[in-house]
C-alpha atoms as a PDB file:
ATOM      1  CA  UNK A   1       3.016  -2.003   5.344  1.00  0.00           C
ATOM      2  CA  UNK A   2       3.366  -4.259   2.438  1.00  0.00           C
ATOM      3  CA  UNK A   3       1.612  -3.701  -0.912  1.00  0.00           C
ATOM      4  CA  UNK A   4      -0.717  -6.612  -0.234  1.00  0.00           C
ATOM      5  CA  UNK A   5      -1.630  -5.317   3.275  1.00  0.00           C
ATOM      6  CA  UNK A   6      -2.349  -1.947   1.715  1.00  0.00           C
ATOM      7  CA  UNK A   7      -4.636  -3.330  -0.940  1.00  0.00           C
ATOM      8  CA  UNK A   8      -6.449  -5.543   1.478  1.00  0.00           C
ATOM      9  CA  UNK A   9      -6.911  -2.652   3.879  1.00  0.00           C
ATOM     10  CA  UNK A  10      -8.447  -0.422   1.199  1.00  0.00           C
ATOM     11  CA  UNK A  11     -10.736  -3.231   0.003  1.00  0.00           C
ATOM     12  CA  UNK A  12     -11.919  -3.826   3.599  1.00  0.00           C
ATOM     13  CA  UNK A  13     -12.438  -0.057   4.138  1.00  0.00           C
ATOM     14  CA  UNK A  14     -14.588   0.106   1.013  1.00  0.00           C
ATOM     15  CA  UNK A  15     -16.682  -2.906   1.793  1.00  0.00           C
ATOM     16  CA  UNK A  16     -17.298  -2.046   5.436  1.00  0.00           C
ATOM     17  CA  UNK A  17     -18.290   1.529   4.465  1.00  0.00           C
ATOM     18  CA  UNK A  18     -20.751  -0.021   1.893  1.00  0.00           C
ATOM     19  CA  UNK A  19     -22.081  -2.450   4.532  1.00  0.00           C
ATOM     20  CA  UNK A  20     -22.642   0.316   7.123  1.00  0.00           C
ATOM     21  CA  UNK A  21     -24.306   2.593   4.644  1.00  0.00           C
ATOM     22  CA  UNK A  22     -26.521   0.006   2.910  1.00  0.00           C
ATOM     23  CA  UNK A  23     -26.935  -3.168   4.998  1.00  0.00           C
ATOM     24  CA  UNK A  24     -26.634  -2.631   8.774  1.00  0.00           C
ATOM     25  CA  UNK A  25     -29.878  -1.124  10.125  1.00  0.00           C
ATOM     26  CA  UNK A  26     -28.945  -0.869  13.800  1.00  0.00           C
ATOM     27  CA  UNK A  27     -30.511   2.452  15.169  1.00  0.00           C
ATOM     28  CA  UNK A  28     -27.535   2.805  17.607  1.00  0.00           C
ATOM     29  CA  UNK A  29     -25.161   3.366  14.715  1.00  0.00           C
ATOM     30  CA  UNK A  30     -25.018   7.060  13.992  1.00  0.00           C
ATOM     31  CA  UNK A  31     -23.225   8.851  11.209  1.00  0.00           C
ATOM     32  CA  UNK A  32     -20.085   6.835  10.837  1.00  0.00           C
ATOM     33  CA  UNK A  33     -16.962   7.302   8.547  1.00  0.00           C
ATOM     34  CA  UNK A  34     -14.428   4.587   8.257  1.00  0.00           C
ATOM     35  CA  UNK A  35     -11.094   6.590   8.334  1.00  0.00           C
ATOM     36  CA  UNK A  36      -8.533   3.805   8.177  1.00  0.00           C
ATOM     37  CA  UNK A  37      -7.980   0.080   8.357  1.00  0.00           C
ATOM     38  CA  UNK A  38      -4.722  -1.494   9.738  1.00  0.00           C
ATOM     39  CA  UNK A  39      -4.225  -5.069   8.647  1.00  0.00           C
ATOM     40  CA  UNK A  40      -1.663  -7.275  10.455  1.00  0.00           C
ATOM     41  CA  UNK A  41       1.282  -8.696   8.548  1.00  0.00           C
ATOM     42  CA  UNK A  42      -0.219 -12.205   8.579  1.00  0.00           C
ATOM     43  CA  UNK A  43      -3.507 -10.746   7.225  1.00  0.00           C
ATOM     44  CA  UNK A  44      -5.583 -12.340  10.029  1.00  0.00           C
ATOM     45  CA  UNK A  45      -6.471  -9.206  12.046  1.00  0.00           C
ATOM     46  CA  UNK A  46      -7.889  -5.940  10.914  1.00  0.00           C
ATOM     47  CA  UNK A  47      -8.248  -2.895  13.132  1.00  0.00           C
ATOM     48  CA  UNK A  48     -10.891  -0.544  11.721  1.00  0.00           C
ATOM     49  CA  UNK A  49     -10.882   3.019  12.707  1.00  0.00           C
ATOM     50  CA  UNK A  50     -14.298   4.728  12.648  1.00  0.00           C
ATOM     51  CA  UNK A  51     -15.050   8.412  13.188  1.00  0.00           C
ATOM     52  CA  UNK A  52     -18.564   9.059  14.616  1.00  0.00           C
ATOM     53  CA  UNK A  53     -20.429  12.308  14.398  1.00  0.00           C
ATOM     54  CA  UNK A  54     -21.981  13.157  17.778  1.00  0.00           C
ATOM     55  CA  UNK A  55     -21.251  13.407  21.485  1.00  0.00           C
ATOM     56  CA  UNK A  56     -19.399  10.991  23.702  1.00  0.00           C
ATOM     57  CA  UNK A  57     -22.519   8.783  24.394  1.00  0.00           C
ATOM     58  CA  UNK A  58     -23.418   8.517  20.715  1.00  0.00           C
ATOM     59  CA  UNK A  59     -19.802   7.541  19.874  1.00  0.00           C
ATOM     60  CA  UNK A  60     -19.802   4.857  22.573  1.00  0.00           C
ATOM     61  CA  UNK A  61     -23.140   3.479  21.476  1.00  0.00           C
ATOM     62  CA  UNK A  62     -22.031   3.328  17.865  1.00  0.00           C
ATOM     63  CA  UNK A  63     -18.652   1.665  18.718  1.00  0.00           C
ATOM     64  CA  UNK A  64     -20.570  -0.975  20.829  1.00  0.00           C
ATOM     65  CA  UNK A  65     -22.985  -1.608  17.973  1.00  0.00           C
ATOM     66  CA  UNK A  66     -20.177  -1.898  15.394  1.00  0.00           C
ATOM     67  CA  UNK A  67     -18.323  -4.387  17.579  1.00  0.00           C
ATOM     68  CA  UNK A  68     -21.496  -6.448  18.106  1.00  0.00           C
ATOM     69  CA  UNK A  69     -21.950  -6.446  14.288  1.00  0.00           C
ATOM     70  CA  UNK A  70     -18.371  -7.455  13.655  1.00  0.00           C
ATOM     71  CA  UNK A  71     -19.168 -11.125  13.103  1.00  0.00           C
ATOM     72  CA  UNK A  72     -21.743 -10.291  10.441  1.00  0.00           C
ATOM     73  CA  UNK A  73     -19.414  -7.739   8.875  1.00  0.00           C
ATOM     74  CA  UNK A  74     -16.594 -10.267   8.805  1.00  0.00           C
ATOM     75  CA  UNK A  75     -18.825 -12.930   7.133  1.00  0.00           C
ATOM     76  CA  UNK A  76     -20.005 -10.416   4.488  1.00  0.00           C
ATOM     77  CA  UNK A  77     -16.320  -9.409   3.790  1.00  0.00           C
ATOM     78  CA  UNK A  78     -15.516 -13.164   3.435  1.00  0.00           C
ATOM     79  CA  UNK A  79     -18.230 -13.338   0.774  1.00  0.00           C
ATOM     80  CA  UNK A  80     -17.208 -10.237  -1.044  1.00  0.00           C
ATOM     81  CA  UNK A  81     -13.424 -10.480  -0.963  1.00  0.00           C
ATOM     82  CA  UNK A  82     -11.801 -13.815  -1.907  1.00  0.00           C
ATOM     83  CA  UNK A  83      -9.243 -14.658   0.811  1.00  0.00           C
ATOM     84  CA  UNK A  84      -7.783 -17.777   2.331  1.00  0.00           C
ATOM     85  CA  UNK A  85      -8.514 -16.382   5.817  1.00  0.00           C
ATOM     86  CA  UNK A  86     -11.011 -13.565   6.456  1.00  0.00           C
ATOM     87  CA  UNK A  87      -9.477 -11.270   9.056  1.00  0.00           C
ATOM     88  CA  UNK A  88     -10.865 -10.829  12.589  1.00  0.00           C
ATOM     89  CA  UNK A  89     -12.326  -7.255  12.787  1.00  0.00           C
ATOM     90  CA  UNK A  90     -11.941  -4.894  15.720  1.00  0.00           C
ATOM     91  CA  UNK A  91     -13.450  -1.477  15.617  1.00  0.00           C
ATOM     92  CA  UNK A  92     -11.767   1.485  17.295  1.00  0.00           C
ATOM     93  CA  UNK A  93     -13.041   5.020  17.650  1.00  0.00           C
ATOM     94  CA  UNK A  94     -10.986   7.486  15.678  1.00  0.00           C
ATOM     95  CA  UNK A  95     -11.016  10.890  17.431  1.00  0.00           C
ATOM     96  CA  UNK A  96      -8.342  12.473  15.106  1.00  0.00           C
ATOM     97  CA  UNK A  97     -10.947  14.540  13.236  1.00  0.00           C
ATOM     98  CA  UNK A  98     -12.368  15.915  16.561  1.00  0.00           C
ATOM     99  CA  UNK A  99      -8.932  16.642  17.862  1.00  0.00           C
ATOM    100  CA  UNK A 100      -8.003  18.328  14.577  1.00  0.00           C
ATOM    101  CA  UNK A 101     -11.084  20.550  14.708  1.00  0.00           C
ATOM    102  CA  UNK A 102     -10.319  21.455  18.329  1.00  0.00           C
ATOM    103  CA  UNK A 103      -6.678  22.429  17.464  1.00  0.00           C
ATOM    104  CA  UNK A 104      -7.901  24.563  14.509  1.00  0.00           C
ATOM    105  CA  UNK A 105     -10.389  26.403  16.778  1.00  0.00           C
ATOM    106  CA  UNK A 106      -7.741  27.001  19.388  1.00  0.00           C
ATOM    107  CA  UNK A 107      -5.347  28.339  16.693  1.00  0.00           C
ATOM    108  CA  UNK A 108      -8.072  30.676  15.473  1.00  0.00           C
ATOM    109  CA  UNK A 109      -8.688  31.939  19.078  1.00  0.00           C
ATOM    110  CA  UNK A 110      -4.960  32.563  19.561  1.00  0.00           C
ATOM    111  CA  UNK A 111      -4.736  34.346  16.226  1.00  0.00           C
ATOM    112  CA  UNK A 112      -7.742  36.539  17.111  1.00  0.00           C
ATOM    113  CA  UNK A 113      -6.414  37.311  20.576  1.00  0.00           C
ATOM    114  CA  UNK A 114      -2.902  37.805  19.386  1.00  0.00           C
ATOM    115  CA  UNK A 115      -3.896  40.096  16.557  1.00  0.00           C
ATOM    116  CA  UNK A 116      -5.468  42.672  18.896  1.00  0.00           C
ATOM    117  CA  UNK A 117      -2.530  43.007  21.266  1.00  0.00           C
ATOM    118  CA  UNK A 118       0.297  43.244  18.654  1.00  0.00           C
ATOM    119  CA  UNK A 119      -1.209  46.395  16.920  1.00  0.00           C
ATOM    120  CA  UNK A 120      -1.884  44.684  13.632  1.00  0.00           C
END
């Protein structure tokens, strides 16, 4: 990723987080954290990764609501960040935090189970 792509990705991440927190009032959008933004090399597409607190149905509803609001979010980013072209925005669910939590839980279970049988 080039320096410019990185700077734009961070700016988009900051602005989308602010928009979700303060402007978008859709009740389907739950507790969302924008974890990463990948900007294409031509700066015309941005893939936004969002982590959603809640179960599978809540995550799907939030992802759908975010994708429906993508046009509004794109126009707001166009107003807030001066660019020749405002990137198309695509939201993707980021399940890495959920997977990480599950791995830590499994490791703790193995440690607890392994500690008993080894005589420690």
